[in-house]
Amino acid sequence: MATDRTENLIAEQLSIVFYDGHFDKVHYGLAMASSAAAIDTPVTLFFTMSACHALMADWHHMPISPGQGKTGENGGDMDARFKAQKIATFEELMSACQEMGVTFMVCEMGLVARGLKASELRCDITIKPGGLVSFLSMTSKHGNMVFI
């Protein structure tokens, strides 16, 4: 019986779809991804639509969800506040995910829909281009999917 449980745990993975482009939501999703990777859970992140901005070199201008930040604050401002509070920063979470083997995917349709180019994506993170079929073929039937 223990073998069956172990096999199921190995087959599980966390797949996160980032659709919303608000900094605070993407930041929390990255915290979730890095935490899962830290306990050896395979993780795939799929960025589409407004969330594609999180994979750009200049993500600092990402908006904050209503009621979550200070008036006029953007992602860079909130991230600086997080740093002062000793909360993992956006770059620390991105780096941790990269180092722990998290798979980053960007939706080609999402880039086009937002007027972004693949050449504008950050180059310090390995990002696989793809679409929904590619993403869904990488997910586990026994894993968990989160939509942000």
Protein backbone atom coordinates (compact mmCIF):
# COMPACT_ATOMS: atom_id res chain seq x y z
CA MET A 1 0.00 0.00 0.00
CA ALA A 2 2.84 2.44 0.77
CA THR A 3 4.25 1.84 -2.71
CA ASP A 4 0.97 2.96 -4.32
CA ARG A 5 0.98 6.16 -2.27
CA THR A 6 4.62 6.84 -3.20
CA GLU A 7 3.90 6.30 -6.90
CA ASN A 8 0.96 8.72 -6.73
CA LEU A 9 3.09 11.37 -5.06
CA ILE A 10 5.72 11.08 -7.77
CA ALA A 11 3.07 11.46 -10.48
CA GLU A 12 1.68 14.63 -8.87
CA GLN A 13 2.74 18.04 -9.97
CA LEU A 14 1.62 21.62 -9.59
CA SER A 15 0.59 23.52 -12.70
CA ILE A 16 -0.20 27.22 -12.39
CA VAL A 17 -1.88 29.30 -15.08
CA PHE A 18 -1.04 32.99 -14.68
CA TYR A 19 -3.74 34.95 -16.51
CA ASP A 20 -4.10 37.97 -14.23
CA GLY A 21 -1.29 40.49 -14.56
CA HIS A 22 -1.48 42.06 -11.11
CA PHE A 23 1.90 42.01 -9.39
CA ASP A 24 0.60 40.78 -6.03
CA LYS A 25 -1.14 37.79 -7.61
CA VAL A 26 1.86 36.78 -9.71
CA HIS A 27 4.16 37.25 -6.70
CA TYR A 28 2.01 34.93 -4.59
CA GLY A 29 1.87 32.35 -7.38
CA LEU A 30 5.67 32.41 -7.58
CA ALA A 31 5.83 31.90 -3.80
CA MET A 32 3.51 28.90 -4.20
CA ALA A 33 5.62 27.52 -7.08
CA SER A 34 8.94 27.91 -5.25
CA SER A 35 7.48 26.30 -2.12
CA ALA A 36 6.23 23.32 -4.12
CA ALA A 37 9.58 22.97 -5.88
CA ALA A 38 11.35 23.10 -2.50
CA ILE A 39 9.49 19.95 -1.45
CA ASP A 40 10.36 18.23 -4.74
CA THR A 41 7.02 18.72 -6.45
CA PRO A 42 7.44 19.29 -10.19
CA VAL A 43 6.01 22.68 -11.19
CA THR A 44 4.97 24.14 -14.54
CA LEU A 45 4.05 27.82 -14.83
CA PHE A 46 2.02 29.03 -17.84
CA PHE A 47 1.90 32.80 -18.39
CA THR A 48 -0.75 34.24 -20.69
CA MET A 49 -2.56 37.49 -21.45
CA SER A 50 -1.70 40.30 -18.95
CA ALA A 51 0.46 37.96 -16.87
CA CYS A 52 2.96 37.81 -19.77
CA HIS A 53 4.26 41.15 -18.45
CA ALA A 54 5.74 39.25 -15.49
CA LEU A 55 8.23 37.62 -17.88
CA MET A 56 9.45 40.94 -19.29
CA ALA A 57 12.69 42.49 -18.15
CA ASP A 58 10.79 45.50 -16.84
CA TRP A 59 7.99 44.00 -14.78
CA HIS A 60 8.19 46.83 -12.23
CA HIS A 61 5.23 48.69 -13.76
CA MET A 62 2.81 45.80 -13.24
CA PRO A 63 -0.35 47.05 -11.49
CA ILE A 64 -1.43 46.07 -7.98
CA SER A 65 -4.86 44.53 -7.32
CA PRO A 66 -7.40 47.02 -5.97
CA GLY A 67 -7.20 47.23 -2.20
CA GLN A 68 -3.86 45.37 -2.01
CA GLY A 69 -1.38 48.20 -2.25
CA LYS A 70 -0.97 51.83 -1.46
CA THR A 71 -2.53 54.45 -3.74
CA GLY A 72 -0.41 54.91 -6.85
CA GLU A 73 1.83 51.96 -6.01
CA ASN A 74 3.03 49.62 -8.77
CA GLY A 75 4.77 46.23 -8.68
CA GLY A 76 8.22 47.72 -8.19
CA ASP A 77 7.00 49.80 -5.26
CA MET A 78 5.30 46.84 -3.60
CA ASP A 79 8.36 44.68 -4.18
CA ALA A 80 10.58 47.29 -2.48
CA ARG A 81 8.19 47.28 0.47
CA PHE A 82 8.32 43.47 0.57
CA LYS A 83 12.13 43.59 0.60
CA ALA A 84 12.06 45.98 3.57
CA GLN A 85 9.68 43.59 5.34
CA LYS A 86 12.02 40.64 4.64
CA ILE A 87 9.47 39.04 2.27
CA ALA A 88 10.97 37.27 -0.74
CA THR A 89 11.19 39.67 -3.66
CA PHE A 90 9.95 39.03 -7.17
CA GLU A 91 13.49 38.45 -8.46
CA GLU A 92 14.35 36.14 -5.56
CA LEU A 93 11.27 34.04 -6.28
CA MET A 94 11.95 33.96 -10.03
CA SER A 95 15.56 32.90 -9.39
CA ALA A 96 14.55 30.26 -6.85
CA CYS A 97 12.05 28.78 -9.29
CA GLN A 98 14.65 28.73 -12.05
CA GLU A 99 17.28 27.12 -9.80
CA MET A 100 14.86 24.43 -8.60
CA GLY A 101 13.86 23.40 -12.10
CA VAL A 102 10.42 24.98 -12.38
CA THR A 103 9.25 25.03 -16.00
CA PHE A 104 8.30 28.47 -17.32
CA MET A 105 6.03 28.64 -20.37
CA VAL A 106 4.68 31.68 -22.17
CA CYS A 107 1.54 31.54 -24.27
CA GLU A 108 2.26 32.64 -27.82
CA MET A 109 -1.36 33.75 -28.23
CA GLY A 110 -1.15 35.75 -25.00
CA LEU A 111 1.93 37.59 -26.25
CA VAL A 112 0.22 38.51 -29.53
CA ALA A 113 -3.00 39.52 -27.76
CA ARG A 114 -1.05 41.94 -25.55
CA GLY A 115 1.15 43.29 -28.35
CA LEU A 116 4.31 41.79 -26.86
CA LYS A 117 7.17 40.04 -28.65
CA ALA A 118 9.03 36.91 -27.59
CA SER A 119 12.27 38.85 -28.15
CA GLU A 120 11.24 41.15 -25.27
CA LEU A 121 11.13 38.31 -22.74
CA ARG A 122 13.77 38.25 -20.03
CA CYS A 123 16.81 36.17 -20.94
CA ASP A 124 17.90 35.10 -17.44
CA ILE A 125 14.99 32.65 -17.15
CA THR A 126 14.51 29.67 -19.46
CA ILE A 127 11.09 30.26 -21.00
CA LYS A 128 9.45 27.77 -23.33
CA PRO A 129 7.06 29.20 -25.91
CA GLY A 130 3.85 27.28 -26.44
CA GLY A 131 0.11 27.24 -26.29
CA LEU A 132 -2.62 25.53 -24.38
CA VAL A 133 -2.05 22.17 -26.07
CA SER A 134 1.65 22.25 -25.14
CA PHE A 135 0.87 23.28 -21.57
CA LEU A 136 -1.90 20.73 -21.06
CA SER A 137 0.25 17.93 -22.47
CA MET A 138 2.83 18.72 -19.76
CA THR A 139 0.37 18.62 -16.88
CA SER A 140 -0.28 15.55 -14.76
CA LYS A 141 -3.68 13.90 -14.52
CA HIS A 142 -2.87 13.37 -10.85
CA GLY A 143 -1.54 16.84 -10.21
CA ASN A 144 -3.08 20.10 -9.17
CA MET A 145 -3.86 23.07 -11.40
CA VAL A 146 -4.27 26.59 -10.08
CA PHE A 147 -5.64 29.48 -12.13
CA ILE A 148 -4.48 32.96 -11.12
